[in-house]
Amino acid sequence: MTILYLILIVSSALLLGNEFSVAAFIHPSLARADHKRFLPAIQVFAALFGTIMPVWMGLATGLHILLTVLTWNGDPTANQYMCAATLLWIVIIVFSVLLPVPINNRVKIWKMDSLPEDWLAQRWRWDFYNWIRVVLIMAAFLFLVLSYKHFPG
């Protein structure tokens, strides 16, 4: 069980680091000087992460569920933290599918010569939703680590 915990902790830490770097460094850097000029780069990231992140987040959620089931009869405190982490991952998936993903899907196919009137507002909205997702992932990661800390194995 310890190996599964460690795999999930490392994977979740990498995922958190990726989402944080996009929110704190990549998007602000690309948008700082001229948002429109760097839109093609943002579209490349949108396409790449639009392919990778559903798989990565889905696997993270699945592993959280699996670990919750496998450790259910263990320490009650560890179970509570693990349940909190798992529920947060379910919320993260639902939140992502409902709010940032539809914007991401639109951004990927925009044409530079015919951007929607509210294209910049959509970009800022995606950034705001991504920050919310980062905070949720941070909380889920914290609960996962706390669960591991209380795990008797």
Protein backbone atom coordinates (compact mmCIF):
# COMPACT_ATOMS: atom_id res chain seq x y z
CA MET A 1 0.00 0.00 0.00
CA THR A 2 2.89 2.33 0.76
CA ILE A 3 4.08 2.05 -2.86
CA LEU A 4 0.63 3.02 -4.15
CA TYR A 5 0.57 5.99 -1.77
CA LEU A 6 4.00 7.11 -2.94
CA ILE A 7 3.11 6.72 -6.64
CA LEU A 8 -0.03 8.79 -6.06
CA ILE A 9 1.82 11.43 -4.03
CA VAL A 10 4.52 11.85 -6.69
CA SER A 11 2.01 11.89 -9.55
CA SER A 12 -0.22 14.38 -7.72
CA ALA A 13 2.77 16.59 -6.88
CA LEU A 14 3.81 16.65 -10.54
CA LEU A 15 0.26 17.43 -11.62
CA LEU A 16 0.01 20.21 -9.04
CA GLY A 17 3.35 21.62 -10.15
CA ASN A 18 2.24 21.60 -13.78
CA GLU A 19 -1.05 23.35 -13.07
CA PHE A 20 0.64 25.85 -10.76
CA SER A 21 3.33 26.67 -13.34
CA VAL A 22 0.69 27.30 -16.00
CA ALA A 23 -1.31 29.55 -13.64
CA ALA A 24 1.58 31.41 -12.03
CA PHE A 25 4.21 31.59 -14.76
CA ILE A 26 3.32 30.43 -18.28
CA HIS A 27 0.02 32.23 -18.89
CA PRO A 28 1.00 35.45 -17.10
CA SER A 29 4.29 35.56 -19.00
CA LEU A 30 2.64 34.98 -22.37
CA ALA A 31 -0.12 37.50 -21.67
CA ARG A 32 1.96 40.24 -20.03
CA ALA A 33 3.30 42.03 -23.10
CA ASP A 34 0.74 41.33 -25.80
CA HIS A 35 -1.91 38.71 -25.18
CA LYS A 36 -2.95 38.51 -28.82
CA ARG A 37 0.63 38.11 -30.08
CA PHE A 38 1.14 35.03 -27.91
CA LEU A 39 -2.27 33.47 -28.54
CA PRO A 40 -0.77 30.90 -30.96
CA ALA A 41 1.56 29.69 -28.17
CA ILE A 42 -1.39 29.51 -25.78
CA GLN A 43 -3.25 27.47 -28.40
CA VAL A 44 -0.35 25.01 -28.54
CA PHE A 45 -0.53 24.57 -24.76
CA ALA A 46 -4.32 24.28 -24.94
CA ALA A 47 -4.05 21.47 -27.47
CA LEU A 48 -1.25 19.67 -25.62
CA PHE A 49 -2.79 19.90 -22.16
CA GLY A 50 -6.25 19.25 -23.60
CA THR A 51 -4.92 15.85 -24.64
CA ILE A 52 -2.74 15.00 -21.63
CA MET A 53 -4.64 16.39 -18.66
CA PRO A 54 -7.89 14.39 -19.01
CA VAL A 55 -5.87 11.16 -18.90
CA TRP A 56 -3.59 12.33 -16.08
CA MET A 57 -6.42 13.75 -13.97
CA GLY A 58 -8.60 10.74 -14.68
CA LEU A 59 -5.86 8.35 -13.59
CA ALA A 60 -5.20 10.44 -10.47
CA THR A 61 -8.89 10.32 -9.57
CA GLY A 62 -9.06 6.59 -10.25
CA LEU A 63 -6.01 5.92 -8.08
CA HIS A 64 -7.50 8.05 -5.29
CA ILE A 65 -10.69 5.97 -5.45
CA LEU A 66 -8.70 2.72 -5.51
CA LEU A 67 -6.55 3.77 -2.56
CA THR A 68 -9.63 4.87 -0.62
CA VAL A 69 -11.19 1.43 -1.12
CA LEU A 70 -7.97 -0.47 -0.33
CA THR A 71 -7.29 1.46 2.88
CA TRP A 72 -10.89 1.69 4.09
CA ASN A 73 -10.46 -0.49 7.19
CA GLY A 74 -7.28 1.26 8.31
CA ASP A 75 -6.80 4.25 10.58
CA PRO A 76 -10.00 6.36 10.80
CA THR A 77 -8.06 9.63 10.54
CA ALA A 78 -6.20 8.38 7.45
CA ASN A 79 -9.57 7.32 5.98
CA GLN A 80 -11.07 10.76 6.56
CA TYR A 81 -8.16 12.50 4.86
CA MET A 82 -8.18 10.01 1.99
CA CYS A 83 -11.93 10.45 1.51
CA ALA A 84 -11.50 14.24 1.50
CA ALA A 85 -8.73 13.97 -1.13
CA THR A 86 -10.83 11.64 -3.27
CA LEU A 87 -13.95 13.79 -3.05
CA LEU A 88 -11.91 16.84 -3.99
CA TRP A 89 -10.59 15.02 -7.05
CA ILE A 90 -14.14 14.22 -8.09
CA VAL A 91 -15.00 17.91 -7.64
CA ILE A 92 -11.89 18.87 -9.65
CA ILE A 93 -12.96 16.66 -12.55
CA VAL A 94 -16.55 17.97 -12.56
CA PHE A 95 -15.36 21.58 -12.16
CA SER A 96 -12.85 21.16 -15.00
CA VAL A 97 -15.36 19.60 -17.39
CA LEU A 98 -17.97 22.28 -16.71
CA LEU A 99 -15.86 25.46 -16.64
CA PRO A 100 -12.27 25.62 -17.99
CA VAL A 101 -12.42 22.72 -20.49
CA PRO A 102 -15.14 24.25 -22.72
CA ILE A 103 -13.13 27.48 -22.90
CA ASN A 104 -9.95 25.51 -23.62
CA ASN A 105 -11.71 23.68 -26.44
CA ARG A 106 -12.80 26.97 -28.01
CA VAL A 107 -9.34 28.55 -27.66
CA LYS A 108 -7.73 25.64 -29.51
CA ILE A 109 -9.70 26.34 -32.70
CA TRP A 110 -9.75 30.14 -32.78
CA LYS A 111 -8.44 31.78 -35.95
CA MET A 112 -6.29 34.86 -35.42
CA ASP A 113 -8.11 36.83 -38.10
CA SER A 114 -11.58 36.11 -36.69
CA LEU A 115 -11.39 36.01 -32.91
CA PRO A 116 -14.68 36.22 -31.01
CA GLU A 117 -15.46 39.65 -29.59
CA ASP A 118 -15.04 38.40 -26.04
CA TRP A 119 -11.90 36.35 -26.69
CA LEU A 120 -9.83 38.21 -24.11
CA ALA A 121 -12.55 37.90 -21.46
CA GLN A 122 -12.70 34.16 -22.15
CA ARG A 123 -8.95 33.89 -21.71
CA TRP A 124 -9.07 35.75 -18.38
CA ARG A 125 -12.01 33.59 -17.27
CA TRP A 126 -10.01 30.44 -18.06
CA ASP A 127 -7.08 31.77 -16.03
CA PHE A 128 -9.40 32.48 -13.09
CA TYR A 129 -10.92 28.99 -13.28
CA ASN A 130 -7.45 27.48 -13.51
CA TRP A 131 -6.42 29.24 -10.28
CA ILE A 132 -9.48 27.75 -8.57
CA ARG A 133 -8.45 24.34 -9.88
CA VAL A 134 -4.90 24.85 -8.58
CA VAL A 135 -6.24 25.63 -5.10
CA LEU A 136 -8.47 22.53 -5.20
CA ILE A 137 -5.54 20.36 -6.30
CA MET A 138 -3.39 21.83 -3.52
CA ALA A 139 -6.06 20.95 -0.96
CA ALA A 140 -6.46 17.42 -2.36
CA PHE A 141 -2.69 16.98 -2.29
CA LEU A 142 -2.53 18.15 1.33
CA PHE A 143 -5.26 15.68 2.33
CA LEU A 144 -3.45 12.88 0.46
CA VAL A 145 -0.19 13.59 2.29
CA LEU A 146 -2.01 13.81 5.64
CA SER A 147 -3.68 10.48 4.90
CA TYR A 148 -0.30 8.91 4.19
CA LYS A 149 1.11 10.40 7.40
CA HIS A 150 -1.64 8.69 9.43
CA PHE A 151 -1.55 5.45 7.46
CA PRO A 152 -0.38 2.63 9.78
CA GLY A 153 1.63 0.87 7.05
